[in-house]
């Protein structure tokens, strides 16, 4: 699934996460992770983000994660929404 449009899902409110998916010319996926809890959960946030992109078969995209302390279920929901929105346009 190729990223076709720049989209967002979520917010920058406390306990939420803002996911931005932007198309890239190359057939790779680039990850940018920002988090207020990067020291404690940065590796897990990256692992979940990479796993969901791979499961969706996403290519040609930059995924920017701006975490404000979201639970993993929230991160997964926002990622799923953003990936689907990006490919559907």
PDB file of N, CA and C in Angstrom:
ATOM      1  N   UNK A   1       0.858  -1.158   0.000  1.00  0.00           N
ATOM      2  CA  UNK A   1       0.000   0.000   0.000  1.00  0.00           C
ATOM      3  C   UNK A   1       0.910   1.227   0.000  1.00  0.00           C
ATOM      4  N   UNK A   2       0.726   2.105  -0.953  1.00  0.00           N
ATOM      5  CA  UNK A   2       1.538   3.311  -1.103  1.00  0.00           C
ATOM      6  C   UNK A   2       0.846   4.492  -0.440  1.00  0.00           C
ATOM      7  N   UNK A   3       1.618   5.301   0.275  1.00  0.00           N
ATOM      8  CA  UNK A   3       1.081   6.537   0.854  1.00  0.00           C
ATOM      9  C   UNK A   3       0.825   7.510  -0.290  1.00  0.00           C
ATOM     10  N   UNK A   4      -0.410   7.990  -0.388  1.00  0.00           N
ATOM     11  CA  UNK A   4      -0.791   8.863  -1.494  1.00  0.00           C
ATOM     12  C   UNK A   4      -1.004  10.312  -1.079  1.00  0.00           C
ATOM     13  N   UNK A   5      -1.260  10.550   0.203  1.00  0.00           N
ATOM     14  CA  UNK A   5      -1.573  11.903   0.667  1.00  0.00           C
ATOM     15  C   UNK A   5      -1.001  12.133   2.052  1.00  0.00           C
ATOM     16  N   UNK A   6      -0.774  13.400   2.373  1.00  0.00           N
ATOM     17  CA  UNK A   6      -0.355  13.771   3.722  1.00  0.00           C
ATOM     18  C   UNK A   6      -1.591  13.845   4.602  1.00  0.00           C
ATOM     19  N   UNK A   7      -1.564  13.096   5.699  1.00  0.00           N
ATOM     20  CA  UNK A   7      -2.722  13.045   6.590  1.00  0.00           C
ATOM     21  C   UNK A   7      -2.262  13.045   8.050  1.00  0.00           C
ATOM     22  N   UNK A   8      -3.208  13.335   8.939  1.00  0.00           N
ATOM     23  CA  UNK A   8      -2.931  13.260  10.373  1.00  0.00           C
ATOM     24  C   UNK A   8      -4.046  12.495  11.063  1.00  0.00           C
ATOM     25  N   UNK A   9      -3.719  12.002  12.244  1.00  0.00           N
ATOM     26  CA  UNK A   9      -4.719  11.374  13.115  1.00  0.00           C
ATOM     27  C   UNK A   9      -4.270  11.639  14.545  1.00  0.00           C
ATOM     28  N   UNK A  10      -5.214  12.003  15.398  1.00  0.00           N
ATOM     29  CA  UNK A  10      -4.908  12.256  16.791  1.00  0.00           C
ATOM     30  C   UNK A  10      -4.755  13.731  17.088  1.00  0.00           C
ATOM     31  N   UNK A  11      -4.138  14.027  18.239  1.00  0.00           N
ATOM     32  CA  UNK A  11      -3.957  15.416  18.666  1.00  0.00           C
ATOM     33  C   UNK A  11      -2.715  15.519  19.538  1.00  0.00           C
ATOM     34  N   UNK A  12      -2.392  16.733  19.917  1.00  0.00           N
ATOM     35  CA  UNK A  12      -1.255  16.976  20.802  1.00  0.00           C
ATOM     36  C   UNK A  12      -1.708  17.187  22.241  1.00  0.00           C
ATOM     37  N   UNK A  13      -2.924  16.769  22.549  1.00  0.00           N
ATOM     38  CA  UNK A  13      -3.428  16.846  23.912  1.00  0.00           C
ATOM     39  C   UNK A  13      -2.684  15.854  24.792  1.00  0.00           C
ATOM     40  N   UNK A  14      -2.689  16.093  26.076  1.00  0.00           N
ATOM     41  CA  UNK A  14      -2.075  15.176  27.030  1.00  0.00           C
ATOM     42  C   UNK A  14      -2.701  13.793  26.901  1.00  0.00           C
ATOM     43  N   UNK A  15      -1.896  12.764  26.979  1.00  0.00           N
ATOM     44  CA  UNK A  15      -2.314  11.361  26.876  1.00  0.00           C
ATOM     45  C   UNK A  15      -2.817  10.977  25.488  1.00  0.00           C
ATOM     46  N   UNK A  16      -2.429  11.726  24.463  1.00  0.00           N
ATOM     47  CA  UNK A  16      -2.793  11.395  23.089  1.00  0.00           C
ATOM     48  C   UNK A  16      -1.511  11.375  22.258  1.00  0.00           C
ATOM     49  N   UNK A  17      -1.663  11.118  20.986  1.00  0.00           N
ATOM     50  CA  UNK A  17      -0.528  11.084  20.069  1.00  0.00           C
ATOM     51  C   UNK A  17      -1.003  11.612  18.723  1.00  0.00           C
ATOM     52  N   UNK A  18      -0.171  12.420  18.077  1.00  0.00           N
ATOM     53  CA  UNK A  18      -0.461  12.934  16.743  1.00  0.00           C
ATOM     54  C   UNK A  18       0.425  12.183  15.754  1.00  0.00           C
ATOM     55  N   UNK A  19      -0.226  11.503  14.811  1.00  0.00           N
ATOM     56  CA  UNK A  19       0.473  10.752  13.770  1.00  0.00           C
ATOM     57  C   UNK A  19       0.311  11.509  12.459  1.00  0.00           C
ATOM     58  N   UNK A  20       1.424  11.769  11.783  1.00  0.00           N
ATOM     59  CA  UNK A  20       1.397  12.399  10.471  1.00  0.00           C
ATOM     60  C   UNK A  20       2.069  11.452   9.483  1.00  0.00           C
ATOM     61  N   UNK A  21       1.355  11.114   8.414  1.00  0.00           N
ATOM     62  CA  UNK A  21       1.909  10.264   7.354  1.00  0.00           C
ATOM     63  C   UNK A  21       2.039  11.138   6.109  1.00  0.00           C
ATOM     64  N   UNK A  22       3.255  11.186   5.570  1.00  0.00           N
ATOM     65  CA  UNK A  22       3.559  11.998   4.399  1.00  0.00           C
ATOM     66  C   UNK A  22       4.162  11.108   3.317  1.00  0.00           C
ATOM     67  N   UNK A  23       3.715  11.237   2.074  1.00  0.00           N
ATOM     68  CA  UNK A  23       4.299  10.427   0.996  1.00  0.00           C
ATOM     69  C   UNK A  23       5.768  10.760   0.745  1.00  0.00           C
ATOM     70  N   UNK A  24       6.533   9.754   0.372  1.00  0.00           N
ATOM     71  CA  UNK A  24       7.928   9.900  -0.050  1.00  0.00           C
ATOM     72  C   UNK A  24       8.053   9.393  -1.480  1.00  0.00           C
ATOM     73  N   UNK A  25       9.024   9.893  -2.200  1.00  0.00           N
ATOM     74  CA  UNK A  25       9.280   9.411  -3.560  1.00  0.00           C
ATOM     75  C   UNK A  25       9.834   7.990  -3.539  1.00  0.00           C
ATOM     76  N   UNK A  26      10.693   7.706  -2.555  1.00  0.00           N
ATOM     77  CA  UNK A  26      11.322   6.398  -2.461  1.00  0.00           C
ATOM     78  C   UNK A  26      10.328   5.360  -1.922  1.00  0.00           C
ATOM     79  N   UNK A  27      10.612   4.101  -2.194  1.00  0.00           N
ATOM     80  CA  UNK A  27       9.750   3.011  -1.743  1.00  0.00           C
ATOM     81  C   UNK A  27      10.152   2.510  -0.358  1.00  0.00           C
ATOM     82  N   UNK A  28      10.425   3.397   0.553  1.00  0.00           N
ATOM     83  CA  UNK A  28      10.816   3.022   1.904  1.00  0.00           C
ATOM     84  C   UNK A  28       9.895   3.717   2.902  1.00  0.00           C
ATOM     85  N   UNK A  29      10.021   3.343   4.147  1.00  0.00           N
ATOM     86  CA  UNK A  29       9.276   4.008   5.207  1.00  0.00           C
ATOM     87  C   UNK A  29      10.287   4.630   6.168  1.00  0.00           C
ATOM     88  N   UNK A  30      10.112   5.911   6.419  1.00  0.00           N
ATOM     89  CA  UNK A  30      10.985   6.658   7.322  1.00  0.00           C
ATOM     90  C   UNK A  30      10.192   6.954   8.594  1.00  0.00           C
ATOM     91  N   UNK A  31      10.845   6.812   9.739  1.00  0.00           N
ATOM     92  CA  UNK A  31      10.177   7.008  11.017  1.00  0.00           C
ATOM     93  C   UNK A  31      10.811   8.166  11.780  1.00  0.00           C
ATOM     94  N   UNK A  32       9.969   9.060  12.301  1.00  0.00           N
ATOM     95  CA  UNK A  32      10.407  10.146  13.173  1.00  0.00           C
ATOM     96  C   UNK A  32       9.563  10.028  14.440  1.00  0.00           C
ATOM     97  N   UNK A  33      10.237   9.784  15.573  1.00  0.00           N
ATOM     98  CA  UNK A  33       9.533   9.571  16.833  1.00  0.00           C
ATOM     99  C   UNK A  33       9.903  10.685  17.816  1.00  0.00           C
ATOM    100  N   UNK A  34       8.894  11.370  18.335  1.00  0.00           N
ATOM    101  CA  UNK A  34       9.063  12.355  19.402  1.00  0.00           C
ATOM    102  C   UNK A  34       8.118  11.949  20.524  1.00  0.00           C
ATOM    103  N   UNK A  35       8.605  12.014  21.753  1.00  0.00           N
ATOM    104  CA  UNK A  35       7.751  11.615  22.871  1.00  0.00           C
ATOM    105  C   UNK A  35       8.234  12.259  24.164  1.00  0.00           C
ATOM    106  N   UNK A  36       7.286  12.595  25.025  1.00  0.00           N
ATOM    107  CA  UNK A  36       7.649  13.117  26.342  1.00  0.00           C
ATOM    108  C   UNK A  36       8.146  11.994  27.245  1.00  0.00           C
ATOM    109  N   UNK A  37       7.932  10.763  26.828  1.00  0.00           N
ATOM    110  CA  UNK A  37       8.386   9.596  27.602  1.00  0.00           C
ATOM    111  C   UNK A  37       9.346   8.737  26.766  1.00  0.00           C
ATOM    112  N   UNK A  38      10.147   9.396  25.930  1.00  0.00           N
ATOM    113  CA  UNK A  38      11.046   8.672  25.013  1.00  0.00           C
ATOM    114  C   UNK A  38      12.042   7.798  25.764  1.00  0.00           C
ATOM    115  N   UNK A  39      12.527   8.255  26.913  1.00  0.00           N
ATOM    116  CA  UNK A  39      13.497   7.473  27.676  1.00  0.00           C
ATOM    117  C   UNK A  39      12.908   6.148  28.159  1.00  0.00           C
ATOM    118  N   UNK A  40      11.662   6.171  28.600  1.00  0.00           N
ATOM    119  CA  UNK A  40      11.026   4.966  29.129  1.00  0.00           C
ATOM    120  C   UNK A  40      10.421   4.085  28.031  1.00  0.00           C
ATOM    121  N   UNK A  41       9.787   4.695  27.035  1.00  0.00           N
ATOM    122  CA  UNK A  41       8.991   3.920  26.084  1.00  0.00           C
ATOM    123  C   UNK A  41       9.348   4.124  24.620  1.00  0.00           C
ATOM    124  N   UNK A  42      10.444   4.819  24.334  1.00  0.00           N
ATOM    125  CA  UNK A  42      10.815   5.104  22.948  1.00  0.00           C
ATOM    126  C   UNK A  42      10.983   3.872  22.084  1.00  0.00           C
ATOM    127  N   UNK A  43      11.649   2.851  22.610  1.00  0.00           N
ATOM    128  CA  UNK A  43      11.860   1.626  21.832  1.00  0.00           C
ATOM    129  C   UNK A  43      10.531   0.938  21.514  1.00  0.00           C
ATOM    130  N   UNK A  44       9.634   0.905  22.494  1.00  0.00           N
ATOM    131  CA  UNK A  44       8.325   0.261  22.275  1.00  0.00           C
ATOM    132  C   UNK A  44       7.493   1.052  21.270  1.00  0.00           C
ATOM    133  N   UNK A  45       7.504   2.378  21.354  1.00  0.00           N
ATOM    134  CA  UNK A  45       6.760   3.208  20.406  1.00  0.00           C
ATOM    135  C   UNK A  45       7.263   2.947  18.995  1.00  0.00           C
ATOM    136  N   UNK A  46       8.564   2.915  18.819  1.00  0.00           N
ATOM    137  CA  UNK A  46       9.135   2.657  17.489  1.00  0.00           C
ATOM    138  C   UNK A  46       8.781   1.257  16.995  1.00  0.00           C
ATOM    139  N   UNK A  47       8.878   0.261  17.877  1.00  0.00           N
ATOM    140  CA  UNK A  47       8.571  -1.118  17.493  1.00  0.00           C
ATOM    141  C   UNK A  47       7.111  -1.246  17.034  1.00  0.00           C
ATOM    142  N   UNK A  48       6.193  -0.661  17.787  1.00  0.00           N
ATOM    143  CA  UNK A  48       4.769  -0.719  17.427  1.00  0.00           C
ATOM    144  C   UNK A  48       4.531   0.004  16.094  1.00  0.00           C
ATOM    145  N   UNK A  49       5.163   1.161  15.911  1.00  0.00           N
ATOM    146  CA  UNK A  49       4.999   1.931  14.673  1.00  0.00           C
ATOM    147  C   UNK A  49       5.506   1.144  13.468  1.00  0.00           C
ATOM    148  N   UNK A  50       6.693   0.562  13.588  1.00  0.00           N
ATOM    149  CA  UNK A  50       7.248  -0.230  12.488  1.00  0.00           C
ATOM    150  C   UNK A  50       6.392  -1.463  12.203  1.00  0.00           C
ATOM    151  N   UNK A  51       5.950  -2.128  13.256  1.00  0.00           N
ATOM    152  CA  UNK A  51       5.131  -3.328  13.109  1.00  0.00           C
ATOM    153  C   UNK A  51       3.828  -3.022  12.363  1.00  0.00           C
ATOM    154  N   UNK A  52       3.167  -1.938  12.728  1.00  0.00           N
ATOM    155  CA  UNK A  52       1.887  -1.615  12.087  1.00  0.00           C
ATOM    156  C   UNK A  52       2.077  -1.202  10.625  1.00  0.00           C
ATOM    157  N   UNK A  53       3.155  -0.481  10.330  1.00  0.00           N
ATOM    158  CA  UNK A  53       3.430  -0.093   8.944  1.00  0.00           C
ATOM    159  C   UNK A  53       3.710  -1.329   8.094  1.00  0.00           C
ATOM    160  N   UNK A  54       4.485  -2.265   8.649  1.00  0.00           N
ATOM    161  CA  UNK A  54       4.792  -3.497   7.926  1.00  0.00           C
ATOM    162  C   UNK A  54       3.543  -4.344   7.709  1.00  0.00           C
ATOM    163  N   UNK A  55       2.703  -4.460   8.737  1.00  0.00           N
ATOM    164  CA  UNK A  55       1.471  -5.250   8.610  1.00  0.00           C
ATOM    165  C   UNK A  55       0.546  -4.667   7.547  1.00  0.00           C
ATOM    166  N   UNK A  56       0.531  -3.351   7.422  1.00  0.00           N
ATOM    167  CA  UNK A  56      -0.316  -2.700   6.419  1.00  0.00           C
ATOM    168  C   UNK A  56       0.313  -2.745   5.034  1.00  0.00           C
ATOM    169  N   UNK A  57       1.591  -3.103   4.964  1.00  0.00           N
ATOM    170  CA  UNK A  57       2.286  -3.124   3.685  1.00  0.00           C
ATOM    171  C   UNK A  57       2.576  -1.722   3.171  1.00  0.00           C
ATOM    172  N   UNK A  58       2.733  -0.788   4.071  1.00  0.00           N
ATOM    173  CA  UNK A  58       2.944   0.613   3.705  1.00  0.00           C
ATOM    174  C   UNK A  58       4.324   0.816   3.091  1.00  0.00           C
ATOM    175  N   UNK A  59       4.374   1.574   1.987  1.00  0.00           N
ATOM    176  CA  UNK A  59       5.628   1.941   1.341  1.00  0.00           C
ATOM    177  C   UNK A  59       5.568   3.411   0.959  1.00  0.00           C
ATOM    178  N   UNK A  60       6.727   3.983   0.714  1.00  0.00           N
ATOM    179  CA  UNK A  60       6.787   5.363   0.245  1.00  0.00           C
ATOM    180  C   UNK A  60       6.190   6.354   1.220  1.00  0.00           C
ATOM    181  N   UNK A  61       6.596   6.289   2.494  1.00  0.00           N
ATOM    182  CA  UNK A  61       5.971   7.161   3.496  1.00  0.00           C
ATOM    183  C   UNK A  61       6.935   7.572   4.596  1.00  0.00           C
ATOM    184  N   UNK A  62       6.673   8.737   5.159  1.00  0.00           N
ATOM    185  CA  UNK A  62       7.329   9.183   6.385  1.00  0.00           C
ATOM    186  C   UNK A  62       6.244   9.189   7.461  1.00  0.00           C
ATOM    187  N   UNK A  63       6.501   8.492   8.556  1.00  0.00           N
ATOM    188  CA  UNK A  63       5.570   8.467   9.679  1.00  0.00           C
ATOM    189  C   UNK A  63       6.186   9.271  10.810  1.00  0.00           C
ATOM    190  N   UNK A  64       5.510  10.344  11.177  1.00  0.00           N
ATOM    191  CA  UNK A  64       5.974  11.224  12.256  1.00  0.00           C
ATOM    192  C   UNK A  64       5.048  11.007  13.453  1.00  0.00           C
ATOM    193  N   UNK A  65       5.615  10.536  14.545  1.00  0.00           N
ATOM    194  CA  UNK A  65       4.873  10.252  15.771  1.00  0.00           C
ATOM    195  C   UNK A  65       5.223  11.331  16.793  1.00  0.00           C
ATOM    196  N   UNK A  66       4.211  12.074  17.255  1.00  0.00           N
ATOM    197  CA  UNK A  66       4.396  13.083  18.297  1.00  0.00           C
ATOM    198  C   UNK A  66       3.560  12.633  19.496  1.00  0.00           C
ATOM    199  N   UNK A  67       4.204  11.924  20.392  1.00  0.00           N
ATOM    200  CA  UNK A  67       3.514  11.293  21.530  1.00  0.00           C
ATOM    201  C   UNK A  67       3.480  12.214  22.741  1.00  0.00           C
ATOM    202  N   UNK A  68       2.341  12.253  23.393  1.00  0.00           N
ATOM    203  CA  UNK A  68       2.154  13.022  24.622  1.00  0.00           C
ATOM    204  C   UNK A  68       1.730  12.111  25.769  1.00  0.00           C
ATOM    205  N   UNK A  69       2.287  10.892  25.770  1.00  0.00           N
ATOM    206  CA  UNK A  69       1.991   9.959  26.855  1.00  0.00           C
ATOM    207  C   UNK A  69       0.798   9.064  26.590  1.00  0.00           C
ATOM    208  N   UNK A  70       0.539   8.761  25.320  1.00  0.00           N
ATOM    209  CA  UNK A  70      -0.604   7.923  24.954  1.00  0.00           C
ATOM    210  C   UNK A  70      -0.373   6.467  25.347  1.00  0.00           C
ATOM    211  N   UNK A  71      -1.446   5.786  25.648  1.00  0.00           N
ATOM    212  CA  UNK A  71      -1.394   4.345  25.865  1.00  0.00           C
ATOM    213  C   UNK A  71      -1.137   3.653  24.529  1.00  0.00           C
ATOM    214  N   UNK A  72      -0.647   2.420  24.585  1.00  0.00           N
ATOM    215  CA  UNK A  72      -0.347   1.693  23.349  1.00  0.00           C
ATOM    216  C   UNK A  72      -1.586   1.492  22.481  1.00  0.00           C
ATOM    217  N   UNK A  73      -2.729   1.256  23.083  1.00  0.00           N
ATOM    218  CA  UNK A  73      -3.950   1.060  22.296  1.00  0.00           C
ATOM    219  C   UNK A  73      -4.308   2.336  21.527  1.00  0.00           C
ATOM    220  N   UNK A  74      -4.050   3.491  22.118  1.00  0.00           N
ATOM    221  CA  UNK A  74      -4.297   4.770  21.441  1.00  0.00           C
ATOM    222  C   UNK A  74      -3.310   4.946  20.291  1.00  0.00           C
ATOM    223  N   UNK A  75      -2.038   4.641  20.528  1.00  0.00           N
ATOM    224  CA  UNK A  75      -1.025   4.716  19.484  1.00  0.00           C
ATOM    225  C   UNK A  75      -1.412   3.841  18.301  1.00  0.00           C
ATOM    226  N   UNK A  76      -1.827   2.609  18.577  1.00  0.00           N
ATOM    227  CA  UNK A  76      -2.219   1.690  17.506  1.00  0.00           C
ATOM    228  C   UNK A  76      -3.433   2.204  16.722  1.00  0.00           C
ATOM    229  N   UNK A  77      -4.411   2.740  17.425  1.00  0.00           N
ATOM    230  CA  UNK A  77      -5.615   3.264  16.758  1.00  0.00           C
ATOM    231  C   UNK A  77      -5.272   4.444  15.861  1.00  0.00           C
ATOM    232  N   UNK A  78      -4.433   5.349  16.362  1.00  0.00           N
ATOM    233  CA  UNK A  78      -4.045   6.526  15.568  1.00  0.00           C
ATOM    234  C   UNK A  78      -3.216   6.114  14.343  1.00  0.00           C
ATOM    235  N   UNK A  79      -2.310   5.170  14.531  1.00  0.00           N
ATOM    236  CA  UNK A  79      -1.508   4.690  13.399  1.00  0.00           C
ATOM    237  C   UNK A  79      -2.386   4.039  12.333  1.00  0.00           C
ATOM    238  N   UNK A  80      -3.286   3.172  12.752  1.00  0.00           N
ATOM    239  CA  UNK A  80      -4.175   2.509  11.801  1.00  0.00           C
ATOM    240  C   UNK A  80      -4.984   3.524  11.007  1.00  0.00           C
ATOM    241  N   UNK A  81      -5.523   4.510  11.702  1.00  0.00           N
ATOM    242  CA  UNK A  81      -6.339   5.552  11.041  1.00  0.00           C
ATOM    243  C   UNK A  81      -5.500   6.333  10.033  1.00  0.00           C
ATOM    244  N   UNK A  82      -4.320   6.798  10.451  1.00  0.00           N
ATOM    245  CA  UNK A  82      -3.485   7.606   9.572  1.00  0.00           C
ATOM    246  C   UNK A  82      -3.016   6.823   8.346  1.00  0.00           C
ATOM    247  N   UNK A  83      -2.613   5.580   8.546  1.00  0.00           N
ATOM    248  CA  UNK A  83      -2.164   4.764   7.416  1.00  0.00           C
ATOM    249  C   UNK A  83      -3.296   4.539   6.431  1.00  0.00           C
ATOM    250  N   UNK A  84      -4.476   4.207   6.918  1.00  0.00           N
ATOM    251  CA  UNK A  84      -5.622   3.995   6.024  1.00  0.00           C
ATOM    252  C   UNK A  84      -6.006   5.275   5.288  1.00  0.00           C
ATOM    253  N   UNK A  85      -6.022   6.404   5.991  1.00  0.00           N
ATOM    254  CA  UNK A  85      -6.364   7.677   5.345  1.00  0.00           C
ATOM    255  C   UNK A  85      -5.361   8.034   4.258  1.00  0.00           C
ATOM    256  N   UNK A  86      -4.094   7.798   4.516  1.00  0.00           N
ATOM    257  CA  UNK A  86      -3.054   8.148   3.555  1.00  0.00           C
ATOM    258  C   UNK A  86      -3.165   7.332   2.272  1.00  0.00           C
ATOM    259  N   UNK A  87      -3.490   6.090   2.402  1.00  0.00           N
ATOM    260  CA  UNK A  87      -3.576   5.199   1.224  1.00  0.00           C
ATOM    261  C   UNK A  87      -4.898   5.343   0.479  1.00  0.00           C
ATOM    262  N   UNK A  88      -5.931   5.836   1.144  1.00  0.00           N
ATOM    263  CA  UNK A  88      -7.262   5.897   0.542  1.00  0.00           C
ATOM    264  C   UNK A  88      -7.467   7.101  -0.358  1.00  0.00           C
ATOM    265  N   UNK A  89      -6.606   8.076  -0.292  1.00  0.00           N
ATOM    266  CA  UNK A  89      -6.829   9.310  -1.065  1.00  0.00           C
ATOM    267  C   UNK A  89      -6.246   9.255  -2.436  1.00  0.00           C
TER     268      UNK A  89
END
